[in-house]
């Protein structure tokens, strides 16, 4: 399996997301964290998935569908 590495800033963002959701519901925060991890693993395995979004920026930007939990 291909690996991915989160930058320190990305790790902090993930922790901040968990903290924000956990203020209301710890179980929901855990589910969101699991969904984020699954999405990152999926993207690491399939880096070309997603849809190119040329209308959003002049750079090569792709979108990836979010997962509802």
PDB file of N, CA and C in Angstrom:
ATOM      1  N   UNK A   1       0.836  -1.176   0.000  1.00  0.00           N
ATOM      2  CA  UNK A   1       0.000   0.000   0.000  1.00  0.00           C
ATOM      3  C   UNK A   1       0.880   1.238   0.000  1.00  0.00           C
ATOM      4  N   UNK A   2       0.448   2.237  -0.755  1.00  0.00           N
ATOM      5  CA  UNK A   2       1.174   3.501  -0.752  1.00  0.00           C
ATOM      6  C   UNK A   2       0.950   4.193   0.576  1.00  0.00           C
ATOM      7  N   UNK A   3       1.945   4.949   1.006  1.00  0.00           N
ATOM      8  CA  UNK A   3       1.867   5.646   2.284  1.00  0.00           C
ATOM      9  C   UNK A   3       1.568   7.116   2.056  1.00  0.00           C
ATOM     10  N   UNK A   4       1.066   7.720   3.082  1.00  0.00           N
ATOM     11  CA  UNK A   4       0.905   9.164   3.063  1.00  0.00           C
ATOM     12  C   UNK A   4       1.426   9.713   4.376  1.00  0.00           C
ATOM     13  N   UNK A   5       1.859  10.932   4.340  1.00  0.00           N
ATOM     14  CA  UNK A   5       2.399  11.585   5.526  1.00  0.00           C
ATOM     15  C   UNK A   5       1.670  12.910   5.692  1.00  0.00           C
ATOM     16  N   UNK A   6       1.153  13.132   6.874  1.00  0.00           N
ATOM     17  CA  UNK A   6       0.511  14.409   7.172  1.00  0.00           C
ATOM     18  C   UNK A   6       1.556  15.383   7.688  1.00  0.00           C
ATOM     19  N   UNK A   7       1.495  16.588   7.195  1.00  0.00           N
ATOM     20  CA  UNK A   7       2.379  17.630   7.706  1.00  0.00           C
ATOM     21  C   UNK A   7       1.945  17.962   9.136  1.00  0.00           C
ATOM     22  N   UNK A   8       2.799  18.594   9.896  1.00  0.00           N
ATOM     23  CA  UNK A   8       2.388  18.999  11.243  1.00  0.00           C
ATOM     24  C   UNK A   8       1.118  19.867  11.222  1.00  0.00           C
ATOM     25  N   UNK A   9       1.012  20.749  10.237  1.00  0.00           N
ATOM     26  CA  UNK A   9      -0.175  21.604  10.129  1.00  0.00           C
ATOM     27  C   UNK A   9      -1.423  20.764   9.855  1.00  0.00           C
ATOM     28  N   UNK A  10      -1.304  19.767   8.971  1.00  0.00           N
ATOM     29  CA  UNK A  10      -2.438  18.900   8.663  1.00  0.00           C
ATOM     30  C   UNK A  10      -2.848  18.094   9.894  1.00  0.00           C
ATOM     31  N   UNK A  11      -1.873  17.610  10.647  1.00  0.00           N
ATOM     32  CA  UNK A  11      -2.185  16.878  11.882  1.00  0.00           C
ATOM     33  C   UNK A  11      -2.946  17.773  12.854  1.00  0.00           C
ATOM     34  N   UNK A  12      -2.504  19.016  12.962  1.00  0.00           N
ATOM     35  CA  UNK A  12      -3.185  19.951  13.852  1.00  0.00           C
ATOM     36  C   UNK A  12      -4.608  20.220  13.366  1.00  0.00           C
ATOM     37  N   UNK A  13      -4.784  20.339  12.051  1.00  0.00           N
ATOM     38  CA  UNK A  13      -6.122  20.546  11.500  1.00  0.00           C
ATOM     39  C   UNK A  13      -7.043  19.377  11.840  1.00  0.00           C
ATOM     40  N   UNK A  14      -6.540  18.158  11.689  1.00  0.00           N
ATOM     41  CA  UNK A  14      -7.343  16.974  12.008  1.00  0.00           C
ATOM     42  C   UNK A  14      -7.702  16.970  13.499  1.00  0.00           C
ATOM     43  N   UNK A  15      -6.733  17.288  14.338  1.00  0.00           N
ATOM     44  CA  UNK A  15      -7.013  17.356  15.776  1.00  0.00           C
ATOM     45  C   UNK A  15      -8.035  18.446  16.099  1.00  0.00           C
ATOM     46  N   UNK A  16      -7.913  19.588  15.426  1.00  0.00           N
ATOM     47  CA  UNK A  16      -8.874  20.678  15.649  1.00  0.00           C
ATOM     48  C   UNK A  16     -10.285  20.278  15.218  1.00  0.00           C
ATOM     49  N   UNK A  17     -10.385  19.543  14.107  1.00  0.00           N
ATOM     50  CA  UNK A  17     -11.697  19.060  13.649  1.00  0.00           C
ATOM     51  C   UNK A  17     -12.287  18.134  14.703  1.00  0.00           C
ATOM     52  N   UNK A  18     -11.469  17.205  15.198  1.00  0.00           N
ATOM     53  CA  UNK A  18     -11.961  16.268  16.215  1.00  0.00           C
ATOM     54  C   UNK A  18     -12.420  17.028  17.461  1.00  0.00           C
ATOM     55  N   UNK A  19     -11.596  17.954  17.930  1.00  0.00           N
ATOM     56  CA  UNK A  19     -11.941  18.731  19.125  1.00  0.00           C
ATOM     57  C   UNK A  19     -13.258  19.481  18.952  1.00  0.00           C
ATOM     58  N   UNK A  20     -13.424  20.102  17.802  1.00  0.00           N
ATOM     59  CA  UNK A  20     -14.633  20.882  17.543  1.00  0.00           C
ATOM     60  C   UNK A  20     -15.882  20.010  17.601  1.00  0.00           C
ATOM     61  N   UNK A  21     -15.822  18.856  16.940  1.00  0.00           N
ATOM     62  CA  UNK A  21     -16.983  17.958  16.919  1.00  0.00           C
ATOM     63  C   UNK A  21     -17.172  17.307  18.278  1.00  0.00           C
ATOM     64  N   UNK A  22     -16.086  16.947  18.938  1.00  0.00           N
ATOM     65  CA  UNK A  22     -16.164  16.261  20.233  1.00  0.00           C
ATOM     66  C   UNK A  22     -16.790  17.126  21.315  1.00  0.00           C
ATOM     67  N   UNK A  23     -16.753  18.452  21.136  1.00  0.00           N
ATOM     68  CA  UNK A  23     -17.428  19.320  22.106  1.00  0.00           C
ATOM     69  C   UNK A  23     -18.900  18.967  22.236  1.00  0.00           C
ATOM     70  N   UNK A  24     -19.482  18.468  21.139  1.00  0.00           N
ATOM     71  CA  UNK A  24     -20.893  18.073  21.147  1.00  0.00           C
ATOM     72  C   UNK A  24     -21.091  16.567  21.237  1.00  0.00           C
ATOM     73  N   UNK A  25     -20.181  15.806  20.593  1.00  0.00           N
ATOM     74  CA  UNK A  25     -20.427  14.373  20.494  1.00  0.00           C
ATOM     75  C   UNK A  25     -19.109  13.648  20.194  1.00  0.00           C
ATOM     76  N   UNK A  26     -18.552  12.990  21.188  1.00  0.00           N
ATOM     77  CA  UNK A  26     -17.266  12.297  21.022  1.00  0.00           C
ATOM     78  C   UNK A  26     -17.365  11.159  20.020  1.00  0.00           C
ATOM     79  N   UNK A  27     -18.467  10.416  20.046  1.00  0.00           N
ATOM     80  CA  UNK A  27     -18.619   9.298  19.110  1.00  0.00           C
ATOM     81  C   UNK A  27     -18.663   9.803  17.669  1.00  0.00           C
ATOM     82  N   UNK A  28     -19.340  10.915  17.442  1.00  0.00           N
ATOM     83  CA  UNK A  28     -19.381  11.496  16.091  1.00  0.00           C
ATOM     84  C   UNK A  28     -17.994  11.963  15.668  1.00  0.00           C
ATOM     85  N   UNK A  29     -17.253  12.544  16.594  1.00  0.00           N
ATOM     86  CA  UNK A  29     -15.893  12.985  16.285  1.00  0.00           C
ATOM     87  C   UNK A  29     -15.023  11.797  15.878  1.00  0.00           C
ATOM     88  N   UNK A  30     -15.177  10.683  16.584  1.00  0.00           N
ATOM     89  CA  UNK A  30     -14.423   9.479  16.231  1.00  0.00           C
ATOM     90  C   UNK A  30     -14.824   8.964  14.850  1.00  0.00           C
ATOM     91  N   UNK A  31     -16.114   9.013  14.529  1.00  0.00           N
ATOM     92  CA  UNK A  31     -16.575   8.563  13.207  1.00  0.00           C
ATOM     93  C   UNK A  31     -16.001   9.449  12.104  1.00  0.00           C
ATOM     94  N   UNK A  32     -15.976  10.743  12.336  1.00  0.00           N
ATOM     95  CA  UNK A  32     -15.419  11.657  11.334  1.00  0.00           C
ATOM     96  C   UNK A  32     -13.932  11.384  11.151  1.00  0.00           C
ATOM     97  N   UNK A  33     -13.219  11.174  12.238  1.00  0.00           N
ATOM     98  CA  UNK A  33     -11.793  10.857  12.147  1.00  0.00           C
ATOM     99  C   UNK A  33     -11.568   9.567  11.367  1.00  0.00           C
ATOM    100  N   UNK A  34     -12.388   8.556  11.625  1.00  0.00           N
ATOM    101  CA  UNK A  34     -12.290   7.294  10.874  1.00  0.00           C
ATOM    102  C   UNK A  34     -12.561   7.523   9.387  1.00  0.00           C
ATOM    103  N   UNK A  35     -13.566   8.350   9.076  1.00  0.00           N
ATOM    104  CA  UNK A  35     -13.893   8.635   7.676  1.00  0.00           C
ATOM    105  C   UNK A  35     -12.754   9.396   6.994  1.00  0.00           C
ATOM    106  N   UNK A  36     -12.159  10.348   7.699  1.00  0.00           N
ATOM    107  CA  UNK A  36     -11.019  11.073   7.139  1.00  0.00           C
ATOM    108  C   UNK A  36      -9.855  10.129   6.873  1.00  0.00           C
ATOM    109  N   UNK A  37      -9.575   9.246   7.818  1.00  0.00           N
ATOM    110  CA  UNK A  37      -8.483   8.293   7.651  1.00  0.00           C
ATOM    111  C   UNK A  37      -8.749   7.380   6.457  1.00  0.00           C
ATOM    112  N   UNK A  38      -9.973   6.881   6.340  1.00  0.00           N
ATOM    113  CA  UNK A  38     -10.321   6.015   5.208  1.00  0.00           C
ATOM    114  C   UNK A  38     -10.160   6.746   3.886  1.00  0.00           C
ATOM    115  N   UNK A  39     -10.589   8.006   3.853  1.00  0.00           N
ATOM    116  CA  UNK A  39     -10.463   8.792   2.626  1.00  0.00           C
ATOM    117  C   UNK A  39      -8.994   9.013   2.278  1.00  0.00           C
ATOM    118  N   UNK A  40      -8.160   9.293   3.263  1.00  0.00           N
ATOM    119  CA  UNK A  40      -6.737   9.513   2.999  1.00  0.00           C
ATOM    120  C   UNK A  40      -6.064   8.242   2.497  1.00  0.00           C
ATOM    121  N   UNK A  41      -6.422   7.111   3.087  1.00  0.00           N
ATOM    122  CA  UNK A  41      -5.861   5.834   2.625  1.00  0.00           C
ATOM    123  C   UNK A  41      -6.305   5.572   1.190  1.00  0.00           C
ATOM    124  N   UNK A  42      -7.576   5.822   0.909  1.00  0.00           N
ATOM    125  CA  UNK A  42      -8.099   5.610  -0.451  1.00  0.00           C
ATOM    126  C   UNK A  42      -7.382   6.512  -1.453  1.00  0.00           C
ATOM    127  N   UNK A  43      -7.182   7.765  -1.085  1.00  0.00           N
ATOM    128  CA  UNK A  43      -6.467   8.685  -1.975  1.00  0.00           C
ATOM    129  C   UNK A  43      -5.008   8.275  -2.161  1.00  0.00           C
ATOM    130  N   UNK A  44      -4.385   7.757  -1.109  1.00  0.00           N
ATOM    131  CA  UNK A  44      -2.994   7.297  -1.224  1.00  0.00           C
ATOM    132  C   UNK A  44      -2.892   6.116  -2.182  1.00  0.00           C
ATOM    133  N   UNK A  45      -3.881   5.237  -2.136  1.00  0.00           N
ATOM    134  CA  UNK A  45      -3.888   4.065  -3.022  1.00  0.00           C
ATOM    135  C   UNK A  45      -4.225   4.444  -4.457  1.00  0.00           C
ATOM    136  N   UNK A  46      -5.033   5.485  -4.632  1.00  0.00           N
ATOM    137  CA  UNK A  46      -5.532   5.880  -5.949  1.00  0.00           C
ATOM    138  C   UNK A  46      -5.361   7.386  -6.143  1.00  0.00           C
ATOM    139  N   UNK A  47      -4.140   7.852  -6.308  1.00  0.00           N
ATOM    140  CA  UNK A  47      -3.916   9.296  -6.341  1.00  0.00           C
ATOM    141  C   UNK A  47      -4.602  10.011  -7.504  1.00  0.00           C
ATOM    142  N   UNK A  48      -5.015   9.303  -8.514  1.00  0.00           N
ATOM    143  CA  UNK A  48      -5.646   9.944  -9.667  1.00  0.00           C
ATOM    144  C   UNK A  48      -7.154  10.061  -9.571  1.00  0.00           C
ATOM    145  N   UNK A  49      -7.744   9.581  -8.479  1.00  0.00           N
ATOM    146  CA  UNK A  49      -9.200   9.644  -8.397  1.00  0.00           C
ATOM    147  C   UNK A  49      -9.643  11.064  -8.075  1.00  0.00           C
ATOM    148  N   UNK A  50     -10.863  11.326  -8.346  1.00  0.00           N
ATOM    149  CA  UNK A  50     -11.393  12.660  -8.121  1.00  0.00           C
ATOM    150  C   UNK A  50     -11.762  13.299  -9.447  1.00  0.00           C
ATOM    151  N   UNK A  51     -12.211  14.513  -9.369  1.00  0.00           N
ATOM    152  CA  UNK A  51     -12.633  15.236 -10.565  1.00  0.00           C
ATOM    153  C   UNK A  51     -11.860  16.544 -10.626  1.00  0.00           C
ATOM    154  N   UNK A  52     -11.253  16.805 -11.794  1.00  0.00           N
ATOM    155  CA  UNK A  52     -10.513  18.048 -11.963  1.00  0.00           C
ATOM    156  C   UNK A  52     -11.468  19.213 -11.930  1.00  0.00           C
ATOM    157  N   UNK A  53     -11.121  20.253 -11.181  1.00  0.00           N
ATOM    158  CA  UNK A  53     -11.981  21.414 -10.980  1.00  0.00           C
ATOM    159  C   UNK A  53     -11.314  22.675 -11.517  1.00  0.00           C
ATOM    160  N   UNK A  54     -11.189  22.758 -12.826  1.00  0.00           N
ATOM    161  CA  UNK A  54     -10.525  23.893 -13.456  1.00  0.00           C
ATOM    162  C   UNK A  54     -11.262  25.207 -13.206  1.00  0.00           C
ATOM    163  N   UNK A  55     -12.572  25.118 -12.914  1.00  0.00           N
ATOM    164  CA  UNK A  55     -13.351  26.339 -12.694  1.00  0.00           C
ATOM    165  C   UNK A  55     -13.048  26.989 -11.336  1.00  0.00           C
ATOM    166  N   UNK A  56     -12.373  26.279 -10.451  1.00  0.00           N
ATOM    167  CA  UNK A  56     -12.097  26.809  -9.121  1.00  0.00           C
ATOM    168  C   UNK A  56     -10.807  27.612  -9.035  1.00  0.00           C
ATOM    169  N   UNK A  57      -9.846  27.255  -9.855  1.00  0.00           N
ATOM    170  CA  UNK A  57      -8.539  27.896  -9.768  1.00  0.00           C
ATOM    171  C   UNK A  57      -7.775  27.671 -11.058  1.00  0.00           C
ATOM    172  N   UNK A  58      -6.724  28.424 -11.252  1.00  0.00           N
ATOM    173  CA  UNK A  58      -5.901  28.218 -12.437  1.00  0.00           C
ATOM    174  C   UNK A  58      -4.858  27.122 -12.212  1.00  0.00           C
ATOM    175  N   UNK A  59      -4.815  26.585 -11.000  1.00  0.00           N
ATOM    176  CA  UNK A  59      -3.888  25.499 -10.689  1.00  0.00           C
ATOM    177  C   UNK A  59      -4.602  24.165 -10.880  1.00  0.00           C
ATOM    178  N   UNK A  60      -3.822  23.103 -10.928  1.00  0.00           N
ATOM    179  CA  UNK A  60      -4.411  21.768 -11.057  1.00  0.00           C
ATOM    180  C   UNK A  60      -5.024  21.373  -9.717  1.00  0.00           C
ATOM    181  N   UNK A  61      -6.336  21.495  -9.654  1.00  0.00           N
ATOM    182  CA  UNK A  61      -7.057  21.204  -8.422  1.00  0.00           C
ATOM    183  C   UNK A  61      -8.103  20.135  -8.705  1.00  0.00           C
ATOM    184  N   UNK A  62      -8.181  19.170  -7.823  1.00  0.00           N
ATOM    185  CA  UNK A  62      -9.180  18.115  -7.978  1.00  0.00           C
ATOM    186  C   UNK A  62     -10.061  18.086  -6.751  1.00  0.00           C
ATOM    187  N   UNK A  63     -11.273  17.615  -6.924  1.00  0.00           N
ATOM    188  CA  UNK A  63     -12.165  17.439  -5.780  1.00  0.00           C
ATOM    189  C   UNK A  63     -12.384  15.950  -5.564  1.00  0.00           C
ATOM    190  N   UNK A  64     -12.705  15.630  -4.358  1.00  0.00           N
ATOM    191  CA  UNK A  64     -12.953  14.256  -3.957  1.00  0.00           C
ATOM    192  C   UNK A  64     -14.236  14.274  -3.142  1.00  0.00           C
ATOM    193  N   UNK A  65     -15.193  13.407  -3.478  1.00  0.00           N
ATOM    194  CA  UNK A  65     -16.471  13.485  -2.753  1.00  0.00           C
ATOM    195  C   UNK A  65     -16.306  13.224  -1.260  1.00  0.00           C
ATOM    196  N   UNK A  66     -17.025  14.007  -0.495  1.00  0.00           N
ATOM    197  CA  UNK A  66     -16.953  13.831   0.968  1.00  0.00           C
ATOM    198  C   UNK A  66     -17.797  12.629   1.370  1.00  0.00           C
ATOM    199  N   UNK A  67     -17.533  12.167   2.553  1.00  0.00           N
ATOM    200  CA  UNK A  67     -18.233  11.000   3.083  1.00  0.00           C
ATOM    201  C   UNK A  67     -19.105  11.462   4.243  1.00  0.00           C
ATOM    202  N   UNK A  68     -20.366  11.153   4.180  1.00  0.00           N
ATOM    203  CA  UNK A  68     -21.248  11.514   5.283  1.00  0.00           C
ATOM    204  C   UNK A  68     -21.193  10.454   6.363  1.00  0.00           C
ATOM    205  N   UNK A  69     -21.129  10.923   7.592  1.00  0.00           N
ATOM    206  CA  UNK A  69     -21.105   9.984   8.719  1.00  0.00           C
ATOM    207  C   UNK A  69     -22.258  10.252   9.638  1.00  0.00           C
TER     208      UNK A  69
END
